[in-house]
Structure formats: structure tokens, C-alpha cells
């Protein structure tokens, strides 16, 4: 459920609004227990996603580091290698039924 919650700080290029919103949505889904809220809870759910996104955006903009920014492509390649080592060929999209 939390696949889109990734480290967003200190990357080049910086995190996009889409990435921040995706991580916020996954966080709210996790803590609420709803993948899709009922109509009665939809407004509260959407408001929570926006509040979490605003807090994440503020945090990312406020943090400082002396480390060089990480390269997104290098980090993605490392994640793919970890996944392949853990799950084998299926992690690379070779699993039956995957496109």
C-alpha cells in the first residue's frame, strides 16, 4: 500500500508536486485504512491529503544538508537491483500476467 512513500528530500531534480501528493495520498490511505473513502468521508479524506502534502512540502523546503543531491536515476537503479536480488526475475517485470 505504501509504494509511493519514498524519500523526497535532497534529490536532483527536486521532488515534484505529483510525487509529494502521491506520497501524501498513500500516507492518508495507510493511516485511515481506506483505499477509497466512502462518500461520507471523502471531504475529510481529501482535506487530510492536502494537509499532509502541505506539511511535507514545508518540511522538504525547510530541511538543509551539506550532502550532494542524490541522482534519481542512480537511486532507481539501486532500488531495481535490490528488488531483483530479493525477488529474482519477477521484480524486473518478467512475472506472468505483467505487462
PDB file of N, CA and C in Angstrom:
ATOM      1  N   UNK A   1       0.818  -1.203   0.000  1.00  0.00           N
ATOM      2  CA  UNK A   1       0.000   0.000   0.000  1.00  0.00           C
ATOM      3  C   UNK A   1       0.860   1.264   0.000  1.00  0.00           C
ATOM      4  N   UNK A   2       2.077   1.203   0.509  1.00  0.00           N
ATOM      5  CA  UNK A   2       2.878   2.419   0.672  1.00  0.00           C
ATOM      6  C   UNK A   2       3.996   2.527  -0.349  1.00  0.00           C
ATOM      7  N   UNK A   3       3.800   1.995  -1.521  1.00  0.00           N
ATOM      8  CA  UNK A   3       4.870   2.022  -2.518  1.00  0.00           C
ATOM      9  C   UNK A   3       5.283   3.426  -2.915  1.00  0.00           C
ATOM     10  N   UNK A   4       4.379   4.381  -2.887  1.00  0.00           N
ATOM     11  CA  UNK A   4       4.715   5.734  -3.329  1.00  0.00           C
ATOM     12  C   UNK A   4       5.306   6.606  -2.235  1.00  0.00           C
ATOM     13  N   UNK A   5       5.423   6.082  -1.033  1.00  0.00           N
ATOM     14  CA  UNK A   5       6.053   6.868   0.024  1.00  0.00           C
ATOM     15  C   UNK A   5       7.544   6.614  -0.079  1.00  0.00           C
ATOM     16  N   UNK A   6       8.223   7.576  -0.639  1.00  0.00           N
ATOM     17  CA  UNK A   6       9.667   7.487  -0.853  1.00  0.00           C
ATOM     18  C   UNK A   6      10.324   8.735  -0.299  1.00  0.00           C
ATOM     19  N   UNK A   7      11.620   8.628  -0.093  1.00  0.00           N
ATOM     20  CA  UNK A   7      12.380   9.798   0.324  1.00  0.00           C
ATOM     21  C   UNK A   7      12.279  10.845  -0.775  1.00  0.00           C
ATOM     22  N   UNK A   8      11.911  12.048  -0.402  1.00  0.00           N
ATOM     23  CA  UNK A   8      11.739  13.118  -1.385  1.00  0.00           C
ATOM     24  C   UNK A   8      12.746  14.250  -1.211  1.00  0.00           C
ATOM     25  N   UNK A   9      13.502  14.222  -0.133  1.00  0.00           N
ATOM     26  CA  UNK A   9      14.437  15.302   0.156  1.00  0.00           C
ATOM     27  C   UNK A   9      15.808  15.036  -0.466  1.00  0.00           C
ATOM     28  N   UNK A  10      16.431  16.092  -0.925  1.00  0.00           N
ATOM     29  CA  UNK A  10      17.812  16.108  -1.412  1.00  0.00           C
ATOM     30  C   UNK A  10      18.004  15.285  -2.679  1.00  0.00           C
ATOM     31  N   UNK A  11      17.122  15.490  -3.629  1.00  0.00           N
ATOM     32  CA  UNK A  11      17.261  14.868  -4.938  1.00  0.00           C
ATOM     33  C   UNK A  11      17.431  15.945  -5.989  1.00  0.00           C
ATOM     34  N   UNK A  12      18.095  15.582  -7.063  1.00  0.00           N
ATOM     35  CA  UNK A  12      18.221  16.459  -8.211  1.00  0.00           C
ATOM     36  C   UNK A  12      17.645  15.726  -9.400  1.00  0.00           C
ATOM     37  N   UNK A  13      16.623  16.193 -10.034  1.00  0.00           N
ATOM     38  CA  UNK A  13      15.850  17.393  -9.721  1.00  0.00           C
ATOM     39  C   UNK A  13      14.999  17.190  -8.463  1.00  0.00           C
ATOM     40  N   UNK A  14      14.568  18.298  -7.843  1.00  0.00           N
ATOM     41  CA  UNK A  14      13.784  18.213  -6.609  1.00  0.00           C
ATOM     42  C   UNK A  14      12.446  17.489  -6.810  1.00  0.00           C
ATOM     43  N   UNK A  15      11.867  17.075  -5.708  1.00  0.00           N
ATOM     44  CA  UNK A  15      10.572  16.389  -5.745  1.00  0.00           C
ATOM     45  C   UNK A  15       9.527  17.275  -6.409  1.00  0.00           C
ATOM     46  N   UNK A  16       8.676  16.641  -7.192  1.00  0.00           N
ATOM     47  CA  UNK A  16       7.611  17.373  -7.877  1.00  0.00           C
ATOM     48  C   UNK A  16       6.355  17.384  -7.011  1.00  0.00           C
ATOM     49  N   UNK A  17       5.411  18.220  -7.372  1.00  0.00           N
ATOM     50  CA  UNK A  17       4.122  18.260  -6.677  1.00  0.00           C
ATOM     51  C   UNK A  17       3.422  16.916  -6.782  1.00  0.00           C
ATOM     52  N   UNK A  18       3.556  16.267  -7.919  1.00  0.00           N
ATOM     53  CA  UNK A  18       2.913  14.961  -8.120  1.00  0.00           C
ATOM     54  C   UNK A  18       3.480  13.937  -7.146  1.00  0.00           C
ATOM     55  N   UNK A  19       4.799  13.929  -6.970  1.00  0.00           N
ATOM     56  CA  UNK A  19       5.430  12.990  -6.038  1.00  0.00           C
ATOM     57  C   UNK A  19       5.007  13.264  -4.598  1.00  0.00           C
ATOM     58  N   UNK A  20       4.954  14.531  -4.234  1.00  0.00           N
ATOM     59  CA  UNK A  20       4.547  14.900  -2.877  1.00  0.00           C
ATOM     60  C   UNK A  20       3.101  14.485  -2.650  1.00  0.00           C
ATOM     61  N   UNK A  21       2.235  14.738  -3.610  1.00  0.00           N
ATOM     62  CA  UNK A  21       0.823  14.376  -3.461  1.00  0.00           C
ATOM     63  C   UNK A  21       0.636  12.871  -3.418  1.00  0.00           C
ATOM     64  N   UNK A  22       1.384  12.121  -4.240  1.00  0.00           N
ATOM     65  CA  UNK A  22       1.280  10.655  -4.241  1.00  0.00           C
ATOM     66  C   UNK A  22       1.695  10.083  -2.888  1.00  0.00           C
ATOM     67  N   UNK A  23       2.779  10.601  -2.324  1.00  0.00           N
ATOM     68  CA  UNK A  23       3.222  10.132  -1.013  1.00  0.00           C
ATOM     69  C   UNK A  23       2.194  10.495   0.058  1.00  0.00           C
ATOM     70  N   UNK A  24       1.619  11.671  -0.035  1.00  0.00           N
ATOM     71  CA  UNK A  24       0.610  12.115   0.930  1.00  0.00           C
ATOM     72  C   UNK A  24      -0.641  11.252   0.844  1.00  0.00           C
ATOM     73  N   UNK A  25      -1.064  10.945  -0.364  1.00  0.00           N
ATOM     74  CA  UNK A  25      -2.231  10.094  -0.564  1.00  0.00           C
ATOM     75  C   UNK A  25      -1.998   8.712   0.043  1.00  0.00           C
ATOM     76  N   UNK A  26      -0.830   8.139  -0.207  1.00  0.00           N
ATOM     77  CA  UNK A  26      -0.521   6.824   0.345  1.00  0.00           C
ATOM     78  C   UNK A  26      -0.487   6.859   1.874  1.00  0.00           C
ATOM     79  N   UNK A  27       0.054   7.932   2.438  1.00  0.00           N
ATOM     80  CA  UNK A  27       0.108   8.070   3.895  1.00  0.00           C
ATOM     81  C   UNK A  27      -1.305   8.125   4.477  1.00  0.00           C
ATOM     82  N   UNK A  28      -2.161   8.931   3.896  1.00  0.00           N
ATOM     83  CA  UNK A  28      -3.535   9.054   4.391  1.00  0.00           C
ATOM     84  C   UNK A  28      -4.283   7.734   4.205  1.00  0.00           C
ATOM     85  N   UNK A  29      -4.062   7.056   3.098  1.00  0.00           N
ATOM     86  CA  UNK A  29      -4.684   5.746   2.896  1.00  0.00           C
ATOM     87  C   UNK A  29      -4.247   4.776   3.990  1.00  0.00           C
ATOM     88  N   UNK A  30      -2.967   4.788   4.311  1.00  0.00           N
ATOM     89  CA  UNK A  30      -2.433   3.867   5.306  1.00  0.00           C
ATOM     90  C   UNK A  30      -3.031   4.138   6.683  1.00  0.00           C
ATOM     91  N   UNK A  31      -3.015   5.391   7.114  1.00  0.00           N
ATOM     92  CA  UNK A  31      -3.482   5.661   8.472  1.00  0.00           C
ATOM     93  C   UNK A  31      -4.998   5.613   8.602  1.00  0.00           C
ATOM     94  N   UNK A  32      -5.719   5.855   7.504  1.00  0.00           N
ATOM     95  CA  UNK A  32      -7.184   5.803   7.573  1.00  0.00           C
ATOM     96  C   UNK A  32      -7.720   4.391   7.381  1.00  0.00           C
ATOM     97  N   UNK A  33      -6.952   3.560   6.691  1.00  0.00           N
ATOM     98  CA  UNK A  33      -7.422   2.222   6.379  1.00  0.00           C
ATOM     99  C   UNK A  33      -8.325   2.174   5.159  1.00  0.00           C
ATOM    100  N   UNK A  34      -8.510   3.320   4.485  1.00  0.00           N
ATOM    101  CA  UNK A  34      -9.353   3.393   3.294  1.00  0.00           C
ATOM    102  C   UNK A  34      -8.472   3.517   2.059  1.00  0.00           C
ATOM    103  N   UNK A  35      -8.710   2.663   1.072  1.00  0.00           N
ATOM    104  CA  UNK A  35      -8.070   2.861  -0.215  1.00  0.00           C
ATOM    105  C   UNK A  35      -8.845   3.938  -0.969  1.00  0.00           C
ATOM    106  N   UNK A  36     -10.165   3.829  -0.896  1.00  0.00           N
ATOM    107  CA  UNK A  36     -11.067   4.841  -1.438  1.00  0.00           C
ATOM    108  C   UNK A  36     -12.100   5.113  -0.349  1.00  0.00           C
ATOM    109  N   UNK A  37     -12.209   6.368   0.101  1.00  0.00           N
ATOM    110  CA  UNK A  37     -13.147   6.652   1.182  1.00  0.00           C
ATOM    111  C   UNK A  37     -14.596   6.621   0.704  1.00  0.00           C
ATOM    112  N   UNK A  38     -15.499   6.419   1.646  1.00  0.00           N
ATOM    113  CA  UNK A  38     -16.920   6.494   1.323  1.00  0.00           C
ATOM    114  C   UNK A  38     -17.268   7.941   0.999  1.00  0.00           C
ATOM    115  N   UNK A  39     -18.411   8.122   0.409  1.00  0.00           N
ATOM    116  CA  UNK A  39     -18.856   9.477   0.071  1.00  0.00           C
ATOM    117  C   UNK A  39     -18.925  10.348   1.332  1.00  0.00           C
ATOM    118  N   UNK A  40     -19.335   9.760   2.448  1.00  0.00           N
ATOM    119  CA  UNK A  40     -19.450  10.498   3.708  1.00  0.00           C
ATOM    120  C   UNK A  40     -18.087  10.952   4.231  1.00  0.00           C
ATOM    121  N   UNK A  41     -17.024  10.207   3.910  1.00  0.00           N
ATOM    122  CA  UNK A  41     -15.681  10.534   4.404  1.00  0.00           C
ATOM    123  C   UNK A  41     -14.792  11.199   3.362  1.00  0.00           C
ATOM    124  N   UNK A  42     -15.302  11.368   2.159  1.00  0.00           N
ATOM    125  CA  UNK A  42     -14.480  11.865   1.056  1.00  0.00           C
ATOM    126  C   UNK A  42     -13.892  13.254   1.325  1.00  0.00           C
ATOM    127  N   UNK A  43     -14.667  14.174   1.826  1.00  0.00           N
ATOM    128  CA  UNK A  43     -14.174  15.534   2.068  1.00  0.00           C
ATOM    129  C   UNK A  43     -13.069  15.534   3.123  1.00  0.00           C
ATOM    130  N   UNK A  44     -13.270  14.791   4.202  1.00  0.00           N
ATOM    131  CA  UNK A  44     -12.255  14.719   5.255  1.00  0.00           C
ATOM    132  C   UNK A  44     -10.981  14.065   4.729  1.00  0.00           C
ATOM    133  N   UNK A  45     -11.143  13.027   3.924  1.00  0.00           N
ATOM    134  CA  UNK A  45     -10.013  12.314   3.330  1.00  0.00           C
ATOM    135  C   UNK A  45      -9.213  13.244   2.418  1.00  0.00           C
ATOM    136  N   UNK A  46      -9.907  13.935   1.522  1.00  0.00           N
ATOM    137  CA  UNK A  46      -9.239  14.854   0.595  1.00  0.00           C
ATOM    138  C   UNK A  46      -8.551  15.995   1.334  1.00  0.00           C
ATOM    139  N   UNK A  47      -9.201  16.514   2.363  1.00  0.00           N
ATOM    140  CA  UNK A  47      -8.605  17.590   3.162  1.00  0.00           C
ATOM    141  C   UNK A  47      -7.334  17.088   3.857  1.00  0.00           C
ATOM    142  N   UNK A  48      -7.371  15.853   4.364  1.00  0.00           N
ATOM    143  CA  UNK A  48      -6.195  15.278   5.021  1.00  0.00           C
ATOM    144  C   UNK A  48      -5.044  15.127   4.029  1.00  0.00           C
ATOM    145  N   UNK A  49      -5.337  14.690   2.813  1.00  0.00           N
ATOM    146  CA  UNK A  49      -4.287  14.551   1.793  1.00  0.00           C
ATOM    147  C   UNK A  49      -3.651  15.912   1.520  1.00  0.00           C
ATOM    148  N   UNK A  50      -4.464  16.944   1.378  1.00  0.00           N
ATOM    149  CA  UNK A  50      -3.924  18.283   1.120  1.00  0.00           C
ATOM    150  C   UNK A  50      -3.117  18.803   2.306  1.00  0.00           C
ATOM    151  N   UNK A  51      -3.582  18.546   3.531  1.00  0.00           N
ATOM    152  CA  UNK A  51      -2.850  18.975   4.726  1.00  0.00           C
ATOM    153  C   UNK A  51      -1.502  18.270   4.841  1.00  0.00           C
ATOM    154  N   UNK A  52      -1.498  16.972   4.588  1.00  0.00           N
ATOM    155  CA  UNK A  52      -0.242  16.212   4.650  1.00  0.00           C
ATOM    156  C   UNK A  52       0.705  16.684   3.548  1.00  0.00           C
ATOM    157  N   UNK A  53       0.191  16.935   2.365  1.00  0.00           N
ATOM    158  CA  UNK A  53       1.030  17.425   1.263  1.00  0.00           C
ATOM    159  C   UNK A  53       1.634  18.783   1.614  1.00  0.00           C
ATOM    160  N   UNK A  54       0.851  19.662   2.218  1.00  0.00           N
ATOM    161  CA  UNK A  54       1.367  20.974   2.614  1.00  0.00           C
ATOM    162  C   UNK A  54       2.455  20.829   3.671  1.00  0.00           C
ATOM    163  N   UNK A  55       2.248  19.943   4.634  1.00  0.00           N
ATOM    164  CA  UNK A  55       3.254  19.721   5.678  1.00  0.00           C
ATOM    165  C   UNK A  55       4.528  19.126   5.077  1.00  0.00           C
ATOM    166  N   UNK A  56       4.379  18.174   4.158  1.00  0.00           N
ATOM    167  CA  UNK A  56       5.540  17.558   3.505  1.00  0.00           C
ATOM    168  C   UNK A  56       6.312  18.583   2.684  1.00  0.00           C
ATOM    169  N   UNK A  57       5.571  19.392   1.929  1.00  0.00           N
ATOM    170  CA  UNK A  57       6.195  20.435   1.113  1.00  0.00           C
ATOM    171  C   UNK A  57       6.983  21.395   1.994  1.00  0.00           C
ATOM    172  N   UNK A  58       6.380  21.832   3.095  1.00  0.00           N
ATOM    173  CA  UNK A  58       7.035  22.752   4.028  1.00  0.00           C
ATOM    174  C   UNK A  58       8.286  22.119   4.633  1.00  0.00           C
ATOM    175  N   UNK A  59       8.180  20.859   5.016  1.00  0.00           N
ATOM    176  CA  UNK A  59       9.328  20.164   5.591  1.00  0.00           C
ATOM    177  C   UNK A  59      10.469  20.077   4.586  1.00  0.00           C
ATOM    178  N   UNK A  60      10.167  19.630   3.378  1.00  0.00           N
ATOM    179  CA  UNK A  60      11.199  19.474   2.354  1.00  0.00           C
ATOM    180  C   UNK A  60      11.900  20.801   2.068  1.00  0.00           C
ATOM    181  N   UNK A  61      11.130  21.876   2.022  1.00  0.00           N
ATOM    182  CA  UNK A  61      11.705  23.193   1.737  1.00  0.00           C
ATOM    183  C   UNK A  61      12.516  23.729   2.903  1.00  0.00           C
ATOM    184  N   UNK A  62      12.235  23.264   4.116  1.00  0.00           N
ATOM    185  CA  UNK A  62      12.912  23.766   5.310  1.00  0.00           C
ATOM    186  C   UNK A  62      14.187  23.006   5.657  1.00  0.00           C
ATOM    187  N   UNK A  63      14.300  21.781   5.192  1.00  0.00           N
ATOM    188  CA  UNK A  63      15.456  20.963   5.549  1.00  0.00           C
ATOM    189  C   UNK A  63      16.715  21.473   4.858  1.00  0.00           C
ATOM    190  N   UNK A  64      17.841  21.309   5.533  1.00  0.00           N
ATOM    191  CA  UNK A  64      19.135  21.690   4.973  1.00  0.00           C
ATOM    192  C   UNK A  64      20.093  20.512   5.098  1.00  0.00           C
ATOM    193  N   UNK A  65      21.035  20.456   4.200  1.00  0.00           N
ATOM    194  CA  UNK A  65      22.045  19.407   4.227  1.00  0.00           C
ATOM    195  C   UNK A  65      23.307  19.901   3.545  1.00  0.00           C
ATOM    196  N   UNK A  66      24.417  19.303   3.916  1.00  0.00           N
ATOM    197  CA  UNK A  66      25.674  19.615   3.237  1.00  0.00           C
ATOM    198  C   UNK A  66      26.009  18.519   2.218  1.00  0.00           C
ATOM    199  N   UNK A  67      25.212  17.462   2.199  1.00  0.00           N
ATOM    200  CA  UNK A  67      25.437  16.362   1.260  1.00  0.00           C
ATOM    201  C   UNK A  67      25.055  16.785  -0.149  1.00  0.00           C
ATOM    202  N   UNK A  68      25.735  16.204  -1.105  1.00  0.00           N
ATOM    203  CA  UNK A  68      25.390  16.446  -2.500  1.00  0.00           C
ATOM    204  C   UNK A  68      24.025  15.837  -2.786  1.00  0.00           C
ATOM    205  N   UNK A  69      23.230  16.464  -3.672  1.00  0.00           N
ATOM    206  CA  UNK A  69      21.928  15.894  -4.023  1.00  0.00           C
ATOM    207  C   UNK A  69      22.099  14.522  -4.673  1.00  0.00           C
ATOM    208  N   UNK A  70      21.161  13.634  -4.393  1.00  0.00           N
ATOM    209  CA  UNK A  70      21.186  12.300  -4.991  1.00  0.00           C
ATOM    210  C   UNK A  70      20.551  12.351  -6.369  1.00  0.00           C
ATOM    211  N   UNK A  71      21.060  11.513  -7.228  1.00  0.00           N
ATOM    212  CA  UNK A  71      20.555  11.418  -8.595  1.00  0.00           C
ATOM    213  C   UNK A  71      19.409  10.419  -8.634  1.00  0.00           C
ATOM    214  N   UNK A  72      18.279  10.823  -9.167  1.00  0.00           N
ATOM    215  CA  UNK A  72      17.096   9.958  -9.200  1.00  0.00           C
ATOM    216  C   UNK A  72      17.336   8.673  -9.988  1.00  0.00           C
ATOM    217  N   UNK A  73      18.032   8.763 -11.097  1.00  0.00           N
ATOM    218  CA  UNK A  73      18.278   7.579 -11.924  1.00  0.00           C
ATOM    219  C   UNK A  73      19.173   6.576 -11.208  1.00  0.00           C
ATOM    220  N   UNK A  74      20.185   7.060 -10.511  1.00  0.00           N
ATOM    221  CA  UNK A  74      21.085   6.174  -9.764  1.00  0.00           C
ATOM    222  C   UNK A  74      20.318   5.481  -8.642  1.00  0.00           C
ATOM    223  N   UNK A  75      19.502   6.224  -7.922  1.00  0.00           N
ATOM    224  CA  UNK A  75      18.713   5.648  -6.830  1.00  0.00           C
ATOM    225  C   UNK A  75      17.693   4.644  -7.361  1.00  0.00           C
ATOM    226  N   UNK A  76      17.085   4.923  -8.503  1.00  0.00           N
ATOM    227  CA  UNK A  76      16.122   3.993  -9.105  1.00  0.00           C
ATOM    228  C   UNK A  76      16.819   2.700  -9.518  1.00  0.00           C
ATOM    229  N   UNK A  77      18.015   2.805 -10.076  1.00  0.00           N
ATOM    230  CA  UNK A  77      18.771   1.615 -10.478  1.00  0.00           C
ATOM    231  C   UNK A  77      19.134   0.780  -9.249  1.00  0.00           C
ATOM    232  N   UNK A  78      19.525   1.430  -8.170  1.00  0.00           N
ATOM    233  CA  UNK A  78      19.834   0.712  -6.928  1.00  0.00           C
ATOM    234  C   UNK A  78      18.595  -0.010  -6.399  1.00  0.00           C
ATOM    235  N   UNK A  79      17.453   0.658  -6.442  1.00  0.00           N
ATOM    236  CA  UNK A  79      16.207   0.043  -5.965  1.00  0.00           C
ATOM    237  C   UNK A  79      15.845  -1.170  -6.821  1.00  0.00           C
ATOM    238  N   UNK A  80      16.020  -1.065  -8.141  1.00  0.00           N
ATOM    239  CA  UNK A  80      15.743  -2.195  -9.023  1.00  0.00           C
ATOM    240  C   UNK A  80      16.673  -3.362  -8.711  1.00  0.00           C
ATOM    241  N   UNK A  81      17.952  -3.057  -8.449  1.00  0.00           N
ATOM    242  CA  UNK A  81      18.919  -4.110  -8.129  1.00  0.00           C
ATOM    243  C   UNK A  81      18.557  -4.791  -6.811  1.00  0.00           C
ATOM    244  N   UNK A  82      18.150  -4.013  -5.800  1.00  0.00           N
ATOM    245  CA  UNK A  82      17.730  -4.596  -4.520  1.00  0.00           C
ATOM    246  C   UNK A  82      16.505  -5.486  -4.713  1.00  0.00           C
ATOM    247  N   UNK A  83      15.566  -5.011  -5.518  1.00  0.00           N
ATOM    248  CA  UNK A  83      14.351  -5.770  -5.771  1.00  0.00           C
ATOM    249  C   UNK A  83      14.663  -7.066  -6.516  1.00  0.00           C
ATOM    250  N   UNK A  84      15.535  -6.999  -7.495  1.00  0.00           N
ATOM    251  CA  UNK A  84      15.904  -8.195  -8.261  1.00  0.00           C
ATOM    252  C   UNK A  84      16.613  -9.198  -7.360  1.00  0.00           C
ATOM    253  N   UNK A  85      17.480  -8.707  -6.474  1.00  0.00           N
ATOM    254  CA  UNK A  85      18.182  -9.603  -5.550  1.00  0.00           C
ATOM    255  C   UNK A  85      17.200 -10.245  -4.574  1.00  0.00           C
ATOM    256  N   UNK A  86      16.199  -9.507  -4.180  1.00  0.00           N
ATOM    257  CA  UNK A  86      15.233 -10.019  -3.214  1.00  0.00           C
ATOM    258  C   UNK A  86      14.199 -10.952  -3.848  1.00  0.00           C
ATOM    259  N   UNK A  87      13.687 -10.566  -5.002  1.00  0.00           N
ATOM    260  CA  UNK A  87      12.579 -11.299  -5.604  1.00  0.00           C
ATOM    261  C   UNK A  87      12.950 -12.052  -6.878  1.00  0.00           C
ATOM    262  N   UNK A  88      14.122 -11.874  -7.393  1.00  0.00           N
ATOM    263  CA  UNK A  88      14.517 -12.563  -8.610  1.00  0.00           C
ATOM    264  C   UNK A  88      13.976 -11.868  -9.845  1.00  0.00           C
ATOM    265  N   UNK A  89      13.806 -12.617 -10.911  1.00  0.00           N
ATOM    266  CA  UNK A  89      13.393 -12.053 -12.198  1.00  0.00           C
ATOM    267  C   UNK A  89      12.021 -11.415 -12.172  1.00  0.00           C
ATOM    268  N   UNK A  90      11.126 -11.867 -11.296  1.00  0.00           N
ATOM    269  CA  UNK A  90       9.783 -11.309 -11.247  1.00  0.00           C
ATOM    270  C   UNK A  90       9.806  -9.814 -10.973  1.00  0.00           C
ATOM    271  N   UNK A  91      10.796  -9.347 -10.243  1.00  0.00           N
ATOM    272  CA  UNK A  91      10.880  -7.927  -9.912  1.00  0.00           C
ATOM    273  C   UNK A  91      11.171  -7.083 -11.140  1.00  0.00           C
ATOM    274  N   UNK A  92      11.673  -7.696 -12.191  1.00  0.00           N
ATOM    275  CA  UNK A  92      12.029  -6.950 -13.397  1.00  0.00           C
ATOM    276  C   UNK A  92      10.909  -6.934 -14.430  1.00  0.00           C
ATOM    277  N   UNK A  93       9.729  -7.385 -14.036  1.00  0.00           N
ATOM    278  CA  UNK A  93       8.596  -7.342 -14.957  1.00  0.00           C
ATOM    279  C   UNK A  93       8.425  -8.603 -15.776  1.00  0.00           C
ATOM    280  N   UNK A  94       9.180  -9.684 -15.430  1.00  0.00           N
ATOM    281  CA  UNK A  94       9.093 -10.926 -16.177  1.00  0.00           C
ATOM    282  C   UNK A  94       8.036 -11.867 -15.618  1.00  0.00           C
ATOM    283  N   UNK A  95       7.312 -11.444 -14.609  1.00  0.00           N
ATOM    284  CA  UNK A  95       6.311 -12.311 -13.991  1.00  0.00           C
ATOM    285  C   UNK A  95       5.149 -12.529 -14.948  1.00  0.00           C
ATOM    286  N   UNK A  96       4.568 -13.704 -14.909  1.00  0.00           N
ATOM    287  CA  UNK A  96       3.395 -13.960 -15.752  1.00  0.00           C
ATOM    288  C   UNK A  96       2.276 -12.967 -15.427  1.00  0.00           C
ATOM    289  N   UNK A  97       1.613 -12.503 -16.449  1.00  0.00           N
ATOM    290  CA  UNK A  97       0.488 -11.602 -16.245  1.00  0.00           C
ATOM    291  C   UNK A  97       0.865 -10.138 -16.138  1.00  0.00           C
ATOM    292  N   UNK A  98       2.143  -9.858 -16.167  1.00  0.00           N
ATOM    293  CA  UNK A  98       2.569  -8.453 -16.111  1.00  0.00           C
ATOM    294  C   UNK A  98       2.782  -7.923 -17.512  1.00  0.00           C
ATOM    295  N   UNK A  99       2.500  -6.632 -17.667  1.00  0.00           N
ATOM    296  CA  UNK A  99       2.702  -6.007 -18.977  1.00  0.00           C
ATOM    297  C   UNK A  99       4.015  -5.300 -19.015  1.00  0.00           C
TER     298      UNK A  99
END
